[in-house]
């Protein structure tokens, strides 16, 4: 899904980043994948700057190369029923 697809559902422009950051922080604290990896920019098909800023904060030693793809794979492989 892209940011535009969910923006109005979450209160419009300016709020989506805050909501996604909060979801990511809560999931990260539980050892879960960053769910917002599934939300991408419509024109690029990749996450936006806010995603990468939070990645740098939560995973300071991780580079961008391959992280997003690996995080998407973690989401699909994660056992959400056991968490």
PDB file of N, CA and C in Angstrom:
ATOM      1  N   UNK A   1       0.846  -1.170   0.000  1.00  0.00           N
ATOM      2  CA  UNK A   1       0.000   0.000   0.000  1.00  0.00           C
ATOM      3  C   UNK A   1       0.893   1.235   0.000  1.00  0.00           C
ATOM      4  N   UNK A   2       0.374   2.345  -0.450  1.00  0.00           N
ATOM      5  CA  UNK A   2       1.188   3.560  -0.439  1.00  0.00           C
ATOM      6  C   UNK A   2       0.619   4.560   0.559  1.00  0.00           C
ATOM      7  N   UNK A   3       1.422   5.547   0.868  1.00  0.00           N
ATOM      8  CA  UNK A   3       1.042   6.542   1.878  1.00  0.00           C
ATOM      9  C   UNK A   3      -0.288   7.200   1.547  1.00  0.00           C
ATOM     10  N   UNK A   4      -0.490   7.528   0.271  1.00  0.00           N
ATOM     11  CA  UNK A   4      -1.730   8.183  -0.141  1.00  0.00           C
ATOM     12  C   UNK A   4      -2.955   7.321   0.106  1.00  0.00           C
ATOM     13  N   UNK A   5      -2.819   6.013  -0.041  1.00  0.00           N
ATOM     14  CA  UNK A   5      -3.950   5.108   0.162  1.00  0.00           C
ATOM     15  C   UNK A   5      -4.461   5.124   1.595  1.00  0.00           C
ATOM     16  N   UNK A   6      -3.582   5.365   2.540  1.00  0.00           N
ATOM     17  CA  UNK A   6      -4.014   5.325   3.945  1.00  0.00           C
ATOM     18  C   UNK A   6      -4.041   6.692   4.622  1.00  0.00           C
ATOM     19  N   UNK A   7      -3.551   7.718   3.943  1.00  0.00           N
ATOM     20  CA  UNK A   7      -3.426   9.033   4.569  1.00  0.00           C
ATOM     21  C   UNK A   7      -4.743   9.555   5.130  1.00  0.00           C
ATOM     22  N   UNK A   8      -5.805   9.523   4.355  1.00  0.00           N
ATOM     23  CA  UNK A   8      -7.081  10.051   4.823  1.00  0.00           C
ATOM     24  C   UNK A   8      -7.671   9.221   5.951  1.00  0.00           C
ATOM     25  N   UNK A   9      -7.409   7.939   5.969  1.00  0.00           N
ATOM     26  CA  UNK A   9      -7.897   7.073   7.047  1.00  0.00           C
ATOM     27  C   UNK A   9      -7.252   7.423   8.382  1.00  0.00           C
ATOM     28  N   UNK A  10      -6.049   7.989   8.337  1.00  0.00           N
ATOM     29  CA  UNK A  10      -5.318   8.285   9.567  1.00  0.00           C
ATOM     30  C   UNK A  10      -5.287   9.772   9.902  1.00  0.00           C
ATOM     31  N   UNK A  11      -6.149  10.556   9.287  1.00  0.00           N
ATOM     32  CA  UNK A  11      -6.238  11.956   9.658  1.00  0.00           C
ATOM     33  C   UNK A  11      -5.577  12.912   8.704  1.00  0.00           C
ATOM     34  N   UNK A  12      -5.169  12.464   7.540  1.00  0.00           N
ATOM     35  CA  UNK A  12      -4.611  13.358   6.533  1.00  0.00           C
ATOM     36  C   UNK A  12      -3.118  13.556   6.655  1.00  0.00           C
ATOM     37  N   UNK A  13      -2.614  14.358   5.742  1.00  0.00           N
ATOM     38  CA  UNK A  13      -1.176  14.633   5.665  1.00  0.00           C
ATOM     39  C   UNK A  13      -0.668  15.205   6.981  1.00  0.00           C
ATOM     40  N   UNK A  14       0.497  14.776   7.387  1.00  0.00           N
ATOM     41  CA  UNK A  14       1.097  15.258   8.619  1.00  0.00           C
ATOM     42  C   UNK A  14       0.886  14.325   9.800  1.00  0.00           C
ATOM     43  N   UNK A  15      -0.145  13.516   9.726  1.00  0.00           N
ATOM     44  CA  UNK A  15      -0.432  12.595  10.829  1.00  0.00           C
ATOM     45  C   UNK A  15       0.072  11.189  10.567  1.00  0.00           C
ATOM     46  N   UNK A  16       0.160  10.833   9.317  1.00  0.00           N
ATOM     47  CA  UNK A  16       0.525   9.457   8.973  1.00  0.00           C
ATOM     48  C   UNK A  16       1.897   9.073   9.522  1.00  0.00           C
ATOM     49  N   UNK A  17       2.852   9.975   9.423  1.00  0.00           N
ATOM     50  CA  UNK A  17       4.191   9.678   9.928  1.00  0.00           C
ATOM     51  C   UNK A  17       4.193   9.419  11.417  1.00  0.00           C
ATOM     52  N   UNK A  18       3.439  10.208  12.156  1.00  0.00           N
ATOM     53  CA  UNK A  18       3.358  10.033  13.602  1.00  0.00           C
ATOM     54  C   UNK A  18       2.724   8.694  13.963  1.00  0.00           C
ATOM     55  N   UNK A  19       1.673   8.342  13.250  1.00  0.00           N
ATOM     56  CA  UNK A  19       0.991   7.077  13.518  1.00  0.00           C
ATOM     57  C   UNK A  19       1.906   5.899  13.196  1.00  0.00           C
ATOM     58  N   UNK A  20       2.540   5.930  12.029  1.00  0.00           N
ATOM     59  CA  UNK A  20       3.426   4.836  11.640  1.00  0.00           C
ATOM     60  C   UNK A  20       4.625   4.719  12.574  1.00  0.00           C
ATOM     61  N   UNK A  21       5.186   5.853  12.993  1.00  0.00           N
ATOM     62  CA  UNK A  21       6.301   5.818  13.948  1.00  0.00           C
ATOM     63  C   UNK A  21       5.886   5.165  15.258  1.00  0.00           C
ATOM     64  N   UNK A  22       4.702   5.518  15.752  1.00  0.00           N
ATOM     65  CA  UNK A  22       4.229   4.952  17.012  1.00  0.00           C
ATOM     66  C   UNK A  22       4.008   3.450  16.881  1.00  0.00           C
ATOM     67  N   UNK A  23       3.418   3.018  15.786  1.00  0.00           N
ATOM     68  CA  UNK A  23       3.225   1.583  15.546  1.00  0.00           C
ATOM     69  C   UNK A  23       4.580   0.879  15.531  1.00  0.00           C
ATOM     70  N   UNK A  24       5.528   1.450  14.797  1.00  0.00           N
ATOM     71  CA  UNK A  24       6.861   0.842  14.712  1.00  0.00           C
ATOM     72  C   UNK A  24       7.548   0.774  16.063  1.00  0.00           C
ATOM     73  N   UNK A  25       7.458   1.826  16.843  1.00  0.00           N
ATOM     74  CA  UNK A  25       8.101   1.833  18.164  1.00  0.00           C
ATOM     75  C   UNK A  25       7.509   0.747  19.071  1.00  0.00           C
ATOM     76  N   UNK A  26       6.199   0.622  19.051  1.00  0.00           N
ATOM     77  CA  UNK A  26       5.545  -0.389  19.886  1.00  0.00           C
ATOM     78  C   UNK A  26       5.914  -1.800  19.429  1.00  0.00           C
ATOM     79  N   UNK A  27       5.904  -2.017  18.135  1.00  0.00           N
ATOM     80  CA  UNK A  27       6.249  -3.340  17.617  1.00  0.00           C
ATOM     81  C   UNK A  27       7.723  -3.658  17.859  1.00  0.00           C
ATOM     82  N   UNK A  28       8.585  -2.674  17.691  1.00  0.00           N
ATOM     83  CA  UNK A  28      10.023  -2.869  17.930  1.00  0.00           C
ATOM     84  C   UNK A  28      10.280  -3.260  19.389  1.00  0.00           C
ATOM     85  N   UNK A  29       9.563  -2.622  20.311  1.00  0.00           N
ATOM     86  CA  UNK A  29       9.732  -2.925  21.736  1.00  0.00           C
ATOM     87  C   UNK A  29       9.364  -4.377  22.049  1.00  0.00           C
ATOM     88  N   UNK A  30       8.503  -4.963  21.234  1.00  0.00           N
ATOM     89  CA  UNK A  30       8.100  -6.364  21.405  1.00  0.00           C
ATOM     90  C   UNK A  30       8.984  -7.316  20.606  1.00  0.00           C
ATOM     91  N   UNK A  31       9.948  -6.767  19.861  1.00  0.00           N
ATOM     92  CA  UNK A  31      10.797  -7.602  19.029  1.00  0.00           C
ATOM     93  C   UNK A  31      10.173  -7.955  17.692  1.00  0.00           C
ATOM     94  N   UNK A  32       9.135  -7.232  17.316  1.00  0.00           N
ATOM     95  CA  UNK A  32       8.418  -7.482  16.064  1.00  0.00           C
ATOM     96  C   UNK A  32       9.003  -6.647  14.923  1.00  0.00           C
ATOM     97  N   UNK A  33       8.708  -7.024  13.689  1.00  0.00           N
ATOM     98  CA  UNK A  33       9.172  -6.239  12.531  1.00  0.00           C
ATOM     99  C   UNK A  33       8.499  -4.865  12.473  1.00  0.00           C
ATOM    100  N   UNK A  34       9.099  -3.984  11.691  1.00  0.00           N
ATOM    101  CA  UNK A  34       8.555  -2.641  11.475  1.00  0.00           C
ATOM    102  C   UNK A  34       7.455  -2.725  10.412  1.00  0.00           C
ATOM    103  N   UNK A  35       6.197  -2.681  10.847  1.00  0.00           N
ATOM    104  CA  UNK A  35       5.082  -2.859   9.925  1.00  0.00           C
ATOM    105  C   UNK A  35       5.016  -1.801   8.834  1.00  0.00           C
ATOM    106  N   UNK A  36       5.517  -0.622   9.097  1.00  0.00           N
ATOM    107  CA  UNK A  36       5.422   0.427   8.075  1.00  0.00           C
ATOM    108  C   UNK A  36       6.334   0.173   6.887  1.00  0.00           C
ATOM    109  N   UNK A  37       7.134  -0.879   6.945  1.00  0.00           N
ATOM    110  CA  UNK A  37       7.927  -1.248   5.771  1.00  0.00           C
ATOM    111  C   UNK A  37       7.019  -1.572   4.596  1.00  0.00           C
ATOM    112  N   UNK A  38       5.763  -1.921   4.887  1.00  0.00           N
ATOM    113  CA  UNK A  38       4.807  -2.254   3.831  1.00  0.00           C
ATOM    114  C   UNK A  38       4.160  -1.027   3.212  1.00  0.00           C
ATOM    115  N   UNK A  39       4.409   0.144   3.798  1.00  0.00           N
ATOM    116  CA  UNK A  39       3.834   1.386   3.279  1.00  0.00           C
ATOM    117  C   UNK A  39       4.917   2.120   2.499  1.00  0.00           C
ATOM    118  N   UNK A  40       4.632   2.396   1.223  1.00  0.00           N
ATOM    119  CA  UNK A  40       5.643   2.964   0.338  1.00  0.00           C
ATOM    120  C   UNK A  40       5.138   4.209  -0.368  1.00  0.00           C
ATOM    121  N   UNK A  41       6.050   4.936  -0.958  1.00  0.00           N
ATOM    122  CA  UNK A  41       5.698   6.088  -1.771  1.00  0.00           C
ATOM    123  C   UNK A  41       5.172   5.585  -3.114  1.00  0.00           C
ATOM    124  N   UNK A  42       4.099   6.193  -3.576  1.00  0.00           N
ATOM    125  CA  UNK A  42       3.466   5.756  -4.819  1.00  0.00           C
ATOM    126  C   UNK A  42       4.406   5.861  -6.012  1.00  0.00           C
ATOM    127  N   UNK A  43       5.186   6.921  -6.070  1.00  0.00           N
ATOM    128  CA  UNK A  43       6.038   7.147  -7.248  1.00  0.00           C
ATOM    129  C   UNK A  43       7.303   6.290  -7.254  1.00  0.00           C
ATOM    130  N   UNK A  44       7.807   5.905  -6.087  1.00  0.00           N
ATOM    131  CA  UNK A  44       9.058   5.146  -6.034  1.00  0.00           C
ATOM    132  C   UNK A  44       8.861   3.675  -5.668  1.00  0.00           C
ATOM    133  N   UNK A  45       7.748   3.377  -4.991  1.00  0.00           N
ATOM    134  CA  UNK A  45       7.528   2.012  -4.520  1.00  0.00           C
ATOM    135  C   UNK A  45       8.423   1.631  -3.359  1.00  0.00           C
ATOM    136  N   UNK A  46       9.005   2.643  -2.704  1.00  0.00           N
ATOM    137  CA  UNK A  46       9.919   2.414  -1.581  1.00  0.00           C
ATOM    138  C   UNK A  46       9.475   3.285  -0.404  1.00  0.00           C
ATOM    139  N   UNK A  47       9.935   2.953   0.808  1.00  0.00           N
ATOM    140  CA  UNK A  47       9.575   3.753   1.975  1.00  0.00           C
ATOM    141  C   UNK A  47      10.111   5.191   1.880  1.00  0.00           C
ATOM    142  N   UNK A  48       9.466   6.071   2.624  1.00  0.00           N
ATOM    143  CA  UNK A  48       9.878   7.469   2.641  1.00  0.00           C
ATOM    144  C   UNK A  48      10.961   7.762   3.660  1.00  0.00           C
ATOM    145  N   UNK A  49      11.334   9.025   3.729  1.00  0.00           N
ATOM    146  CA  UNK A  49      12.409   9.462   4.626  1.00  0.00           C
ATOM    147  C   UNK A  49      12.102   9.190   6.092  1.00  0.00           C
ATOM    148  N   UNK A  50      10.837   9.295   6.487  1.00  0.00           N
ATOM    149  CA  UNK A  50      10.479   9.048   7.877  1.00  0.00           C
ATOM    150  C   UNK A  50      10.792   7.625   8.309  1.00  0.00           C
ATOM    151  N   UNK A  51      10.549   6.682   7.427  1.00  0.00           N
ATOM    152  CA  UNK A  51      10.881   5.289   7.711  1.00  0.00           C
ATOM    153  C   UNK A  51      12.368   5.152   7.966  1.00  0.00           C
ATOM    154  N   UNK A  52      13.174   5.757   7.076  1.00  0.00           N
ATOM    155  CA  UNK A  52      14.628   5.624   7.198  1.00  0.00           C
ATOM    156  C   UNK A  52      15.172   6.357   8.412  1.00  0.00           C
ATOM    157  N   UNK A  53      14.541   7.444   8.798  1.00  0.00           N
ATOM    158  CA  UNK A  53      14.963   8.145  10.021  1.00  0.00           C
ATOM    159  C   UNK A  53      14.744   7.268  11.240  1.00  0.00           C
ATOM    160  N   UNK A  54      13.615   6.587  11.277  1.00  0.00           N
ATOM    161  CA  UNK A  54      13.336   5.717  12.412  1.00  0.00           C
ATOM    162  C   UNK A  54      14.234   4.482  12.386  1.00  0.00           C
ATOM    163  N   UNK A  55      14.523   3.966  11.212  1.00  0.00           N
ATOM    164  CA  UNK A  55      15.466   2.841  11.110  1.00  0.00           C
ATOM    165  C   UNK A  55      16.809   3.250  11.698  1.00  0.00           C
ATOM    166  N   UNK A  56      17.275   4.453  11.356  1.00  0.00           N
ATOM    167  CA  UNK A  56      18.563   4.935  11.874  1.00  0.00           C
ATOM    168  C   UNK A  56      18.541   5.060  13.397  1.00  0.00           C
ATOM    169  N   UNK A  57      17.386   5.425  13.942  1.00  0.00           N
ATOM    170  CA  UNK A  57      17.258   5.556  15.394  1.00  0.00           C
ATOM    171  C   UNK A  57      17.191   4.185  16.091  1.00  0.00           C
ATOM    172  N   UNK A  58      16.359   3.294  15.565  1.00  0.00           N
ATOM    173  CA  UNK A  58      16.142   1.997  16.210  1.00  0.00           C
ATOM    174  C   UNK A  58      17.236   0.977  15.923  1.00  0.00           C
ATOM    175  N   UNK A  59      17.857   1.115  14.751  1.00  0.00           N
ATOM    176  CA  UNK A  59      18.902   0.176  14.320  1.00  0.00           C
ATOM    177  C   UNK A  59      20.115   0.967  13.832  1.00  0.00           C
ATOM    178  N   UNK A  60      20.811   1.653  14.732  1.00  0.00           N
ATOM    179  CA  UNK A  60      21.881   2.563  14.314  1.00  0.00           C
ATOM    180  C   UNK A  60      23.021   1.915  13.540  1.00  0.00           C
ATOM    181  N   UNK A  61      23.222   0.635  13.706  1.00  0.00           N
ATOM    182  CA  UNK A  61      24.351   0.004  13.011  1.00  0.00           C
ATOM    183  C   UNK A  61      23.944  -0.650  11.692  1.00  0.00           C
ATOM    184  N   UNK A  62      22.685  -0.504  11.302  1.00  0.00           N
ATOM    185  CA  UNK A  62      22.185  -1.130  10.077  1.00  0.00           C
ATOM    186  C   UNK A  62      22.190  -0.110   8.947  1.00  0.00           C
ATOM    187  N   UNK A  63      22.669  -0.510   7.807  1.00  0.00           N
ATOM    188  CA  UNK A  63      22.633   0.336   6.626  1.00  0.00           C
ATOM    189  C   UNK A  63      21.362   0.102   5.830  1.00  0.00           C
ATOM    190  N   UNK A  64      21.110   0.952   4.866  1.00  0.00           N
ATOM    191  CA  UNK A  64      19.907   0.833   4.047  1.00  0.00           C
ATOM    192  C   UNK A  64      19.942  -0.359   3.103  1.00  0.00           C
ATOM    193  N   UNK A  65      21.114  -0.718   2.666  1.00  0.00           N
ATOM    194  CA  UNK A  65      21.241  -1.768   1.666  1.00  0.00           C
ATOM    195  C   UNK A  65      20.607  -3.071   2.156  1.00  0.00           C
ATOM    196  N   UNK A  66      19.519  -3.460   1.559  1.00  0.00           N
ATOM    197  CA  UNK A  66      18.867  -4.711   1.877  1.00  0.00           C
ATOM    198  C   UNK A  66      17.975  -4.716   3.106  1.00  0.00           C
ATOM    199  N   UNK A  67      18.020  -3.660   3.929  1.00  0.00           N
ATOM    200  CA  UNK A  67      17.237  -3.666   5.168  1.00  0.00           C
ATOM    201  C   UNK A  67      15.749  -3.707   4.886  1.00  0.00           C
ATOM    202  N   UNK A  68      15.276  -2.839   3.995  1.00  0.00           N
ATOM    203  CA  UNK A  68      13.845  -2.752   3.725  1.00  0.00           C
ATOM    204  C   UNK A  68      13.305  -4.085   3.208  1.00  0.00           C
ATOM    205  N   UNK A  69      14.003  -4.679   2.252  1.00  0.00           N
ATOM    206  CA  UNK A  69      13.571  -5.946   1.699  1.00  0.00           C
ATOM    207  C   UNK A  69      13.544  -7.031   2.776  1.00  0.00           C
ATOM    208  N   UNK A  70      14.570  -7.054   3.604  1.00  0.00           N
ATOM    209  CA  UNK A  70      14.635  -8.038   4.686  1.00  0.00           C
ATOM    210  C   UNK A  70      13.519  -7.815   5.706  1.00  0.00           C
ATOM    211  N   UNK A  71      13.209  -6.570   5.979  1.00  0.00           N
ATOM    212  CA  UNK A  71      12.148  -6.259   6.951  1.00  0.00           C
ATOM    213  C   UNK A  71      10.793  -6.690   6.394  1.00  0.00           C
ATOM    214  N   UNK A  72      10.558  -6.489   5.114  1.00  0.00           N
ATOM    215  CA  UNK A  72       9.306  -6.966   4.495  1.00  0.00           C
ATOM    216  C   UNK A  72       9.207  -8.481   4.611  1.00  0.00           C
ATOM    217  N   UNK A  73      10.287  -9.156   4.368  1.00  0.00           N
ATOM    218  CA  UNK A  73      10.303 -10.620   4.507  1.00  0.00           C
ATOM    219  C   UNK A  73      10.030 -11.040   5.948  1.00  0.00           C
ATOM    220  N   UNK A  74      10.596 -10.299   6.901  1.00  0.00           N
ATOM    221  CA  UNK A  74      10.343 -10.594   8.323  1.00  0.00           C
ATOM    222  C   UNK A  74       8.860 -10.463   8.652  1.00  0.00           C
ATOM    223  N   UNK A  75       8.226  -9.450   8.080  1.00  0.00           N
ATOM    224  CA  UNK A  75       6.789  -9.232   8.339  1.00  0.00           C
ATOM    225  C   UNK A  75       5.982 -10.437   7.881  1.00  0.00           C
ATOM    226  N   UNK A  76       6.230 -10.889   6.655  1.00  0.00           N
ATOM    227  CA  UNK A  76       5.448 -12.005   6.102  1.00  0.00           C
ATOM    228  C   UNK A  76       5.774 -13.321   6.788  1.00  0.00           C
ATOM    229  N   UNK A  77       6.992 -13.487   7.266  1.00  0.00           N
ATOM    230  CA  UNK A  77       7.401 -14.737   7.908  1.00  0.00           C
ATOM    231  C   UNK A  77       7.080 -14.771   9.405  1.00  0.00           C
ATOM    232  N   UNK A  78       6.820 -13.619  10.003  1.00  0.00           N
ATOM    233  CA  UNK A  78       6.626 -13.527  11.447  1.00  0.00           C
ATOM    234  C   UNK A  78       5.362 -14.280  11.868  1.00  0.00           C
ATOM    235  N   UNK A  79       5.433 -14.976  12.980  1.00  0.00           N
ATOM    236  CA  UNK A  79       4.285 -15.694  13.515  1.00  0.00           C
ATOM    237  C   UNK A  79       3.479 -14.748  14.394  1.00  0.00           C
ATOM    238  N   UNK A  80       2.554 -14.027  13.786  1.00  0.00           N
ATOM    239  CA  UNK A  80       1.775 -13.024  14.491  1.00  0.00           C
ATOM    240  C   UNK A  80       0.813 -13.662  15.499  1.00  0.00           C
ATOM    241  N   UNK A  81       0.438 -14.900  15.304  1.00  0.00           N
ATOM    242  CA  UNK A  81      -0.460 -15.575  16.244  1.00  0.00           C
ATOM    243  C   UNK A  81       0.249 -15.913  17.554  1.00  0.00           C
ATOM    244  N   UNK A  82       1.554 -16.095  17.503  1.00  0.00           N
ATOM    245  CA  UNK A  82       2.297 -16.466  18.710  1.00  0.00           C
ATOM    246  C   UNK A  82       2.739 -15.248  19.518  1.00  0.00           C
ATOM    247  N   UNK A  83       2.558 -14.066  18.972  1.00  0.00           N
ATOM    248  CA  UNK A  83       3.076 -12.873  19.675  1.00  0.00           C
ATOM    249  C   UNK A  83       2.071 -12.261  20.612  1.00  0.00           C
TER     250      UNK A  83
END
